[in-house]
Protein backbone atom coordinates (compact mmCIF):
# COMPACT_ATOMS: atom_id res chain seq x y z
CA MET A 1 6.48 -17.06 -28.87
CA THR A 2 8.42 -20.14 -27.89
CA LEU A 3 11.88 -19.79 -26.48
CA SER A 4 13.62 -21.47 -29.34
CA ARG A 5 12.07 -19.10 -31.82
CA ARG A 6 14.72 -16.60 -30.73
CA LYS A 7 17.24 -19.15 -31.89
CA THR A 8 15.04 -19.90 -34.89
CA LEU A 9 15.07 -16.35 -36.17
CA ALA A 10 18.72 -15.86 -35.24
CA LEU A 11 19.79 -18.74 -37.45
CA ILE A 12 18.31 -17.23 -40.61
CA GLY A 13 21.11 -16.81 -43.10
CA GLY A 14 22.27 -20.41 -42.83
CA GLY A 15 25.67 -20.90 -44.43
CA THR A 16 26.41 -17.18 -44.56
CA ILE A 17 27.18 -17.00 -40.84
CA PHE A 18 30.88 -17.68 -40.99
CA ALA A 19 31.37 -15.41 -43.97
CA ALA A 20 29.59 -12.65 -42.12
CA SER A 21 31.81 -13.08 -39.11
CA ALA A 22 34.91 -12.83 -41.25
CA ALA A 23 33.62 -9.76 -43.01
CA ALA A 24 32.92 -8.07 -39.71
CA GLY A 25 36.53 -8.58 -38.62
CA THR A 26 37.40 -6.92 -35.35
CA PHE A 27 33.74 -6.06 -34.83
CA VAL A 28 33.30 -9.53 -33.33
CA VAL A 29 34.02 -8.65 -29.72
CA THR A 30 31.81 -8.83 -26.69
CA ARG A 31 28.41 -7.43 -27.62
CA THR A 32 26.55 -7.86 -24.35
CA PRO A 33 23.74 -5.25 -24.10
CA THR A 34 24.86 -4.16 -20.65
CA ARG A 35 22.42 -1.26 -20.30
CA ALA A 36 19.43 -3.50 -21.10
CA LEU A 37 20.48 -5.92 -18.36
CA GLU A 38 21.05 -3.32 -15.64
CA PRO A 39 17.59 -3.81 -14.06
CA TRP A 40 18.75 -7.25 -12.93
CA ASP A 41 21.64 -5.66 -11.04
CA GLN A 42 19.43 -2.88 -9.67
CA ALA A 43 16.79 -5.20 -8.21
CA GLY A 44 16.28 -4.32 -4.54
CA ASP A 45 18.40 -1.18 -4.76
CA TYR A 46 15.71 1.41 -3.93
CA GLY A 47 14.85 3.32 -0.78
CA ASP A 48 11.08 2.81 -0.84
CA PRO A 49 10.04 -0.78 0.00
CA ARG A 50 7.37 -0.63 -2.70
CA MET A 51 9.99 0.30 -5.29
CA ARG A 52 12.23 -2.49 -4.03
CA ALA A 53 9.42 -4.99 -4.50
CA LEU A 54 8.55 -3.62 -7.94
CA SER A 55 12.19 -3.78 -9.02
CA TYR A 56 12.08 -7.54 -8.53
CA ALA A 57 8.59 -7.89 -10.00
CA LEU A 58 9.70 -6.57 -13.39
CA LEU A 59 11.98 -9.62 -13.72
CA ALA A 60 8.90 -11.86 -13.96
CA PRO A 61 8.27 -14.00 -17.06
CA ASN A 62 5.85 -12.50 -19.55
CA PRO A 63 4.72 -13.22 -23.14
CA HIS A 64 7.02 -11.99 -25.90
CA ASN A 65 8.88 -10.03 -23.19
CA ARG A 66 6.32 -7.25 -23.65
CA GLN A 67 6.64 -6.19 -19.99
CA PRO A 68 3.04 -4.94 -20.00
CA TRP A 69 3.01 -3.42 -16.52
CA LEU A 70 2.70 0.14 -15.26
CA ALA A 71 2.81 1.16 -11.61
CA GLN A 72 1.98 4.25 -9.55
CA LEU A 73 2.90 4.89 -5.93
CA ASP A 74 -0.08 6.11 -3.90
CA GLY A 75 0.35 7.75 -0.54
CA GLU A 76 2.81 6.23 1.90
CA ASP A 77 1.95 2.55 1.59
CA SER A 78 0.08 1.72 -1.63
CA VAL A 79 0.72 1.03 -5.28
CA THR A 80 -1.66 0.78 -8.23
CA ILE A 81 -0.87 -1.56 -11.14
CA TRP A 82 -2.17 -1.30 -14.71
CA ARG A 83 -1.68 -3.39 -17.84
CA ASP A 84 -0.19 -1.24 -20.58
CA GLU A 85 -2.48 -1.93 -23.54
CA THR A 86 -0.05 -0.32 -25.96
CA ARG A 87 1.94 -3.55 -25.55
CA ASP A 88 -0.89 -5.83 -26.64
CA LEU A 89 -0.45 -8.75 -29.07
CA PRO A 90 -3.62 -8.38 -31.15
CA VAL A 91 -3.00 -11.35 -33.46
CA THR A 92 -1.78 -14.13 -31.16
CA ASP A 93 -3.38 -12.87 -27.93
CA PRO A 94 -6.51 -11.06 -29.13
CA TYR A 95 -8.27 -11.21 -25.74
CA GLY A 96 -5.24 -10.33 -23.64
CA ARG A 97 -5.31 -13.69 -21.84
CA GLN A 98 -1.58 -14.36 -22.07
CA LEU A 99 -0.70 -10.79 -21.13
CA THR A 100 -2.98 -11.01 -18.11
CA ILE A 101 -1.16 -14.17 -17.04
CA GLY A 102 2.03 -12.10 -17.32
CA MET A 103 0.46 -9.54 -15.00
CA GLY A 104 -0.25 -12.36 -12.56
CA CYS A 105 3.44 -13.31 -12.65
CA PHE A 106 4.37 -9.68 -11.94
CA LEU A 107 1.99 -9.32 -9.00
CA SER A 108 3.10 -12.63 -7.53
CA LEU A 109 6.76 -11.68 -7.63
CA MET A 110 6.03 -8.23 -6.20
CA LYS A 111 4.28 -9.80 -3.22
CA MET A 112 7.04 -12.36 -2.80
CA ALA A 113 9.69 -9.60 -2.79
CA ALA A 114 7.67 -7.57 -0.28
CA ALA A 115 7.42 -10.61 2.00
CA GLU A 116 11.21 -10.84 2.10
CA GLU A 117 11.09 -7.66 4.17
CA GLY A 118 8.08 -8.75 6.20
CA PHE A 119 5.50 -6.74 4.25
CA GLY A 120 2.17 -8.32 3.53
CA VAL A 121 0.28 -7.01 0.50
CA GLU A 122 -3.46 -6.44 0.69
CA GLU A 123 -4.51 -6.76 -2.92
CA VAL A 124 -7.77 -5.78 -4.62
CA LEU A 125 -7.95 -7.03 -8.20
CA TYR A 126 -9.84 -5.05 -10.86
CA PRO A 127 -11.41 -2.63 -8.35
CA GLU A 128 -13.04 -0.66 -11.18
CA GLY A 129 -13.75 -3.56 -13.49
CA GLU A 130 -11.69 -4.54 -16.50
CA GLY A 131 -11.41 -0.98 -17.80
CA GLY A 132 -9.45 0.21 -14.77
CA PRO A 133 -6.32 -0.86 -12.94
CA VAL A 134 -5.44 -4.53 -12.60
CA ALA A 135 -4.72 -4.20 -8.89
CA VAL A 136 -4.57 -1.79 -5.98
CA CYS A 137 -2.13 -3.02 -3.35
CA ARG A 138 -1.40 -1.83 0.19
CA PHE A 139 1.88 -2.81 1.86
CA VAL A 140 1.37 -3.87 5.48
CA PRO A 141 4.44 -4.07 7.76
CA GLY A 142 4.74 -7.37 9.58
CA GLY A 143 2.05 -8.93 7.41
CA ALA A 144 3.99 -11.78 5.74
CA GLU A 145 6.77 -14.30 6.14
CA PRO A 146 9.48 -14.81 3.48
CA ASP A 147 8.73 -17.36 0.76
CA PRO A 148 11.48 -19.95 0.18
CA LEU A 149 10.92 -19.75 -3.58
CA PHE A 150 12.25 -16.19 -3.60
CA ALA A 151 15.77 -17.60 -3.27
CA HIS A 152 15.61 -18.60 -6.95
CA VAL A 153 14.45 -15.27 -8.42
CA MET A 154 17.81 -14.08 -9.70
CA GLN A 155 18.64 -17.47 -11.27
CA ARG A 156 15.24 -17.99 -12.91
CA ARG A 157 15.21 -17.95 -16.71
CA SER A 158 12.81 -18.97 -19.43
CA HIS A 159 14.78 -21.65 -21.29
CA LYS A 160 15.66 -20.85 -24.89
CA GLU A 161 17.20 -23.99 -26.39
CA GLY A 162 16.57 -27.69 -26.77
CA PHE A 163 16.97 -30.07 -23.85
CA LEU A 164 19.64 -32.55 -22.89
CA PRO A 165 18.75 -36.24 -23.50
CA GLN A 166 18.01 -36.84 -19.84
CA ALA A 167 14.74 -38.09 -18.44
CA VAL A 168 12.75 -36.12 -15.89
CA GLY A 169 11.94 -38.19 -12.82
CA ALA A 170 11.00 -37.79 -9.19
CA GLU A 171 12.87 -34.47 -8.95
CA ALA A 172 9.88 -32.90 -10.72
CA ASP A 173 7.49 -33.92 -7.94
CA VAL A 174 8.03 -30.53 -6.26
CA LEU A 175 6.34 -28.94 -9.29
CA ARG A 176 3.09 -30.84 -9.00
CA SER A 177 1.58 -28.24 -6.68
CA TYR A 178 1.67 -25.76 -9.55
CA ALA A 179 0.98 -27.81 -12.68
CA ASN A 180 0.20 -31.17 -14.17
CA VAL A 181 3.66 -32.64 -14.77
CA VAL A 182 3.47 -34.96 -17.78
CA THR A 183 6.16 -37.64 -17.91
CA ASP A 184 4.25 -40.64 -19.23
CA PRO A 185 5.82 -41.40 -22.65
CA GLY A 186 2.50 -41.74 -24.44
CA ALA A 187 1.10 -38.51 -23.03
CA VAL A 188 4.37 -36.69 -23.72
CA ALA A 189 4.30 -37.88 -27.34
CA GLU A 190 0.69 -36.79 -27.88
CA THR A 191 1.25 -33.42 -26.24
CA ALA A 192 4.35 -32.92 -28.38
CA ARG A 193 2.37 -33.80 -31.52
CA ILE A 194 -0.20 -31.10 -30.77
CA ALA A 195 2.41 -28.54 -29.70
CA GLU A 196 4.52 -29.13 -32.80
CA ALA A 197 1.52 -28.89 -35.11
CA ALA A 198 0.50 -25.63 -33.42
CA TRP A 199 4.02 -24.25 -33.84
CA ARG A 200 3.96 -25.10 -37.56
CA THR A 201 0.58 -23.42 -37.90
CA GLU A 202 1.81 -20.21 -36.33
CA ALA A 203 5.03 -20.32 -38.37
CA SER A 204 2.97 -20.62 -41.56
CA THR A 205 0.43 -17.93 -40.65
CA GLN A 206 1.97 -14.76 -41.98
CA GLU A 207 0.12 -12.31 -39.74
CA ALA A 208 1.00 -14.23 -36.58
CA TRP A 209 4.63 -14.68 -37.65
CA GLU A 210 4.90 -11.00 -38.53
CA GLU A 211 3.76 -10.02 -35.05
CA SER A 212 6.89 -11.70 -33.71
CA VAL A 213 9.17 -10.34 -36.40
CA ASP A 214 8.02 -6.81 -35.57
CA LEU A 215 9.26 -7.37 -32.02
CA LEU A 216 12.78 -8.41 -32.98
CA ARG A 217 15.57 -6.40 -31.37
CA ILE A 218 18.62 -7.16 -33.47
CA GLY A 219 22.04 -6.48 -32.00
CA LYS A 220 23.37 -4.65 -28.98
CA SER A 221 22.29 -1.14 -30.00
CA GLU A 222 18.66 -2.08 -30.66
CA ILE A 223 18.43 -4.18 -27.51
CA ASN A 224 19.83 -1.39 -25.34
CA ALA A 225 17.53 1.16 -26.97
CA THR A 226 14.38 -1.00 -26.73
CA PRO A 227 14.89 -3.70 -24.09
CA ASP A 228 11.67 -5.59 -24.67
CA GLY A 229 10.45 -8.00 -27.34
CA ILE A 230 12.69 -10.72 -28.75
CA ASP A 231 16.36 -9.97 -28.27
CA ILE A 232 18.68 -11.31 -30.98
CA GLY A 233 22.16 -10.38 -29.82
CA GLY A 234 25.75 -11.44 -29.43
CA PRO A 235 28.78 -11.08 -31.72
CA MET A 236 27.40 -13.35 -34.43
CA MET A 237 24.06 -11.60 -34.77
CA ASP A 238 25.62 -8.16 -34.63
CA SER A 239 28.00 -9.24 -37.37
CA LEU A 240 25.23 -10.60 -39.58
CA ALA A 241 23.20 -7.43 -39.13
CA LEU A 242 26.23 -5.24 -39.84
CA VAL A 243 26.78 -6.77 -43.29
CA GLY A 244 23.07 -6.99 -44.11
CA LEU A 245 22.73 -10.76 -43.85
CA PHE A 246 20.23 -10.77 -41.00
CA THR A 247 17.25 -8.48 -41.46
CA ARG A 248 13.59 -8.35 -40.50
CA GLU A 249 12.74 -8.73 -44.17
CA ALA A 250 14.54 -12.08 -44.30
CA ALA A 251 12.97 -13.17 -41.03
CA SER A 252 9.46 -12.37 -42.26
CA ASP A 253 9.85 -14.37 -45.49
CA LEU A 254 8.30 -17.76 -44.82
CA GLU A 255 9.83 -19.07 -48.06
CA ASN A 256 13.34 -18.12 -47.03
CA PRO A 257 15.38 -21.38 -46.88
CA GLY A 258 16.96 -20.28 -43.63
CA THR A 259 13.55 -19.60 -42.13
CA LYS A 260 12.27 -22.99 -43.20
CA GLY A 261 15.29 -24.76 -41.78
CA ALA A 262 15.00 -22.94 -38.49
CA ILE A 263 11.29 -23.78 -38.20
CA GLU A 264 12.34 -27.41 -38.40
CA ASP A 265 14.90 -26.79 -35.66
CA THR A 266 12.20 -25.51 -33.32
CA ALA A 267 9.85 -28.35 -34.23
CA ALA A 268 12.58 -30.84 -33.39
CA ALA A 269 13.15 -29.18 -30.00
CA ILE A 270 9.45 -29.46 -29.18
CA ALA A 271 9.33 -33.10 -30.25
CA ALA A 272 12.38 -34.00 -28.15
CA ALA A 273 11.27 -32.45 -24.85
CA PRO A 274 11.43 -35.14 -22.14
CA ALA A 275 8.44 -33.81 -20.18
CA TYR A 276 5.64 -31.25 -20.28
CA VAL A 277 3.84 -29.10 -17.73
CA VAL A 278 0.20 -28.08 -18.20
CA GLN A 279 -1.73 -25.56 -16.14
CA THR A 280 -5.51 -25.31 -16.13
CA THR A 281 -8.15 -23.23 -14.38
CA LYS A 282 -11.80 -24.09 -13.82
CA GLY A 283 -12.94 -21.12 -15.89
CA ASN A 284 -11.29 -18.30 -17.83
CA THR A 285 -12.02 -15.11 -15.92
CA ARG A 286 -9.45 -12.38 -15.47
CA LEU A 287 -9.09 -13.42 -11.83
CA GLU A 288 -8.34 -16.98 -12.89
CA GLN A 289 -5.81 -15.74 -15.44
CA ILE A 290 -4.08 -13.74 -12.71
CA GLU A 291 -4.09 -16.86 -10.52
CA ALA A 292 -2.57 -18.85 -13.40
CA GLY A 293 0.20 -16.26 -13.57
CA ASP A 294 0.90 -16.68 -9.87
CA ARG A 295 1.24 -20.43 -10.35
CA TRP A 296 3.35 -20.02 -13.51
CA LEU A 297 5.78 -17.78 -11.63
CA ARG A 298 5.98 -20.25 -8.76
CA LEU A 299 6.39 -23.15 -11.16
CA ASN A 300 9.32 -21.35 -12.78
CA LEU A 301 11.00 -20.72 -9.45
CA ALA A 302 10.43 -24.25 -8.21
CA ALA A 303 11.83 -25.66 -11.46
CA THR A 304 14.90 -23.47 -11.06
CA GLY A 305 15.37 -24.75 -7.52
CA ALA A 306 15.10 -28.33 -8.74
CA GLY A 307 17.77 -27.75 -11.39
CA LEU A 308 15.25 -28.08 -14.24
CA ALA A 309 14.76 -25.87 -17.29
CA LEU A 310 11.29 -24.67 -18.28
CA ARG A 311 10.12 -23.03 -21.47
CA PRO A 312 6.61 -21.98 -22.53
CA VAL A 313 5.23 -23.51 -25.72
CA SER A 314 1.66 -22.26 -25.72
CA GLN A 315 0.86 -21.72 -29.39
CA ALA A 316 -1.95 -24.29 -29.14
CA LEU A 317 -3.69 -22.02 -26.62
CA GLN A 318 -3.76 -18.96 -28.85
CA GLU A 319 -7.19 -17.80 -29.92
CA TYR A 320 -7.16 -17.00 -33.62
CA PRO A 321 -8.95 -18.98 -36.35
CA GLU A 322 -5.98 -20.88 -37.77
CA MET A 323 -5.23 -22.32 -34.32
CA THR A 324 -8.72 -23.66 -33.56
CA ALA A 325 -8.04 -27.35 -34.26
CA HIS A 326 -4.97 -27.41 -32.00
CA PHE A 327 -6.78 -25.41 -29.30
CA ASP A 328 -9.59 -27.96 -29.33
CA ALA A 329 -7.17 -30.91 -29.29
CA ILE A 330 -5.19 -29.72 -26.27
CA HIS A 331 -8.39 -28.93 -24.36
CA GLU A 332 -9.87 -32.34 -25.17
CA MET A 333 -6.72 -33.89 -23.74
CA TYR A 334 -6.26 -31.77 -20.61
CA ALA A 335 -9.59 -30.03 -19.96
CA PRO A 336 -12.31 -32.59 -20.74
CA ASP A 337 -14.77 -31.10 -18.26
CA GLY A 338 -14.73 -27.58 -19.68
CA GLU A 339 -11.71 -26.18 -17.86
CA THR A 340 -9.34 -23.75 -19.58
CA VAL A 341 -5.77 -24.71 -20.34
CA GLN A 342 -3.81 -21.55 -19.49
CA MET A 343 -0.15 -22.56 -19.99
CA ILE A 344 1.88 -25.36 -21.56
CA GLY A 345 5.61 -25.71 -21.04
CA LEU A 346 8.48 -27.97 -22.00
CA LEU A 347 10.43 -29.36 -19.05
CA GLY A 348 13.85 -30.93 -18.90
CA TYR A 349 17.53 -30.28 -18.38
CA GLY A 350 19.47 -27.73 -20.39
CA GLU A 351 22.29 -25.25 -20.42
CA ARG A 352 21.75 -22.02 -18.53
CA THR A 353 20.00 -19.25 -20.45
CA PRO A 354 21.33 -15.66 -20.30
CA ARG A 355 19.33 -12.94 -18.58
CA THR A 356 16.58 -11.30 -20.61
CA PRO A 357 16.61 -7.51 -21.17
CA ARG A 358 14.26 -5.34 -19.13
CA TRP A 359 13.15 -1.73 -19.14
CA PRO A 360 14.40 0.22 -16.09
CA LEU A 361 11.80 0.43 -13.36
CA GLU A 362 11.60 4.21 -13.67
CA THR A 363 10.26 3.86 -17.23
CA ARG A 364 7.35 1.76 -15.98
CA MET A 365 6.28 4.23 -13.27
CA VAL A 366 3.49 6.73 -13.90
CA THR A 367 1.98 9.65 -12.00
CA GLY A 368 -1.49 11.11 -12.26
CA TRP A 369 -2.78 8.17 -14.30
């Protein structure tokens, strides 16, 4: 799901917003889901160095905020990581490619956090094949030096709005180690055309749209209770939900005038992005998807350090029948020799995005798996 789809779905109801706010009266007060944001404040606040590293890792970007990771401490120095398949996205990510990239982001940030304390991480990926854990990792004291990118972890966000009308220039050169940075006007326009068409296809494919609607967390109480998926919060959204003007039923109705208008809002944001980033891998193995996640995490952190805003817009990479034409078009443009395009993102300048809810680390730990 693109970042602005959160805004897209939140805007459903159109002209009823102000009426809803008035009806809610004194209910419109601060509605920050404090409990769902506590993992950001707890990052690094654990006795075991593995837990400290994991507490940062769970802040990594991941598709639909599914947070598909599970971890188990083994012995005195090791941790085993699984992908939680109960959090799969069977319609828009039928082969688990995007979720595996999210696991790559998680592992990368875990290793980066461990390195802050001098721990190297000896990592074995898929030691039992795809049916087993994603990684078995051993923490080695004195095995790594701190990574400068870690300084941006707590400020990193996936952007959620449109971009300011400001060109992206040489300041993006620091990102070129992690992605193809597209600033040429012609290439930006063609990439935007494909990305916008893919967005419209997903927004008009009921099953794909419904997968996102099912993951809505509307208002403070829902977000605190289930701090994953797509958080729709704040005084306005709580007020709309309170008086029945913002519901999942309305969000799922593709003929709803508010839904249609908001789809146009997202399409406009895609079309107006000043630059794009594109990541490819030679093939499309699980190891290459994990590697793409490492680079996506680093790209995010480097963009944060450069004062840039980054948002994923990867509908064209999704592997279901309705998306085939857009998938082929983006690969013809960026992977002419048979590579796989793993991630596409919008790049520019924008207002700071709030923190995204996370499950507490303890809820993602398992024993006796």
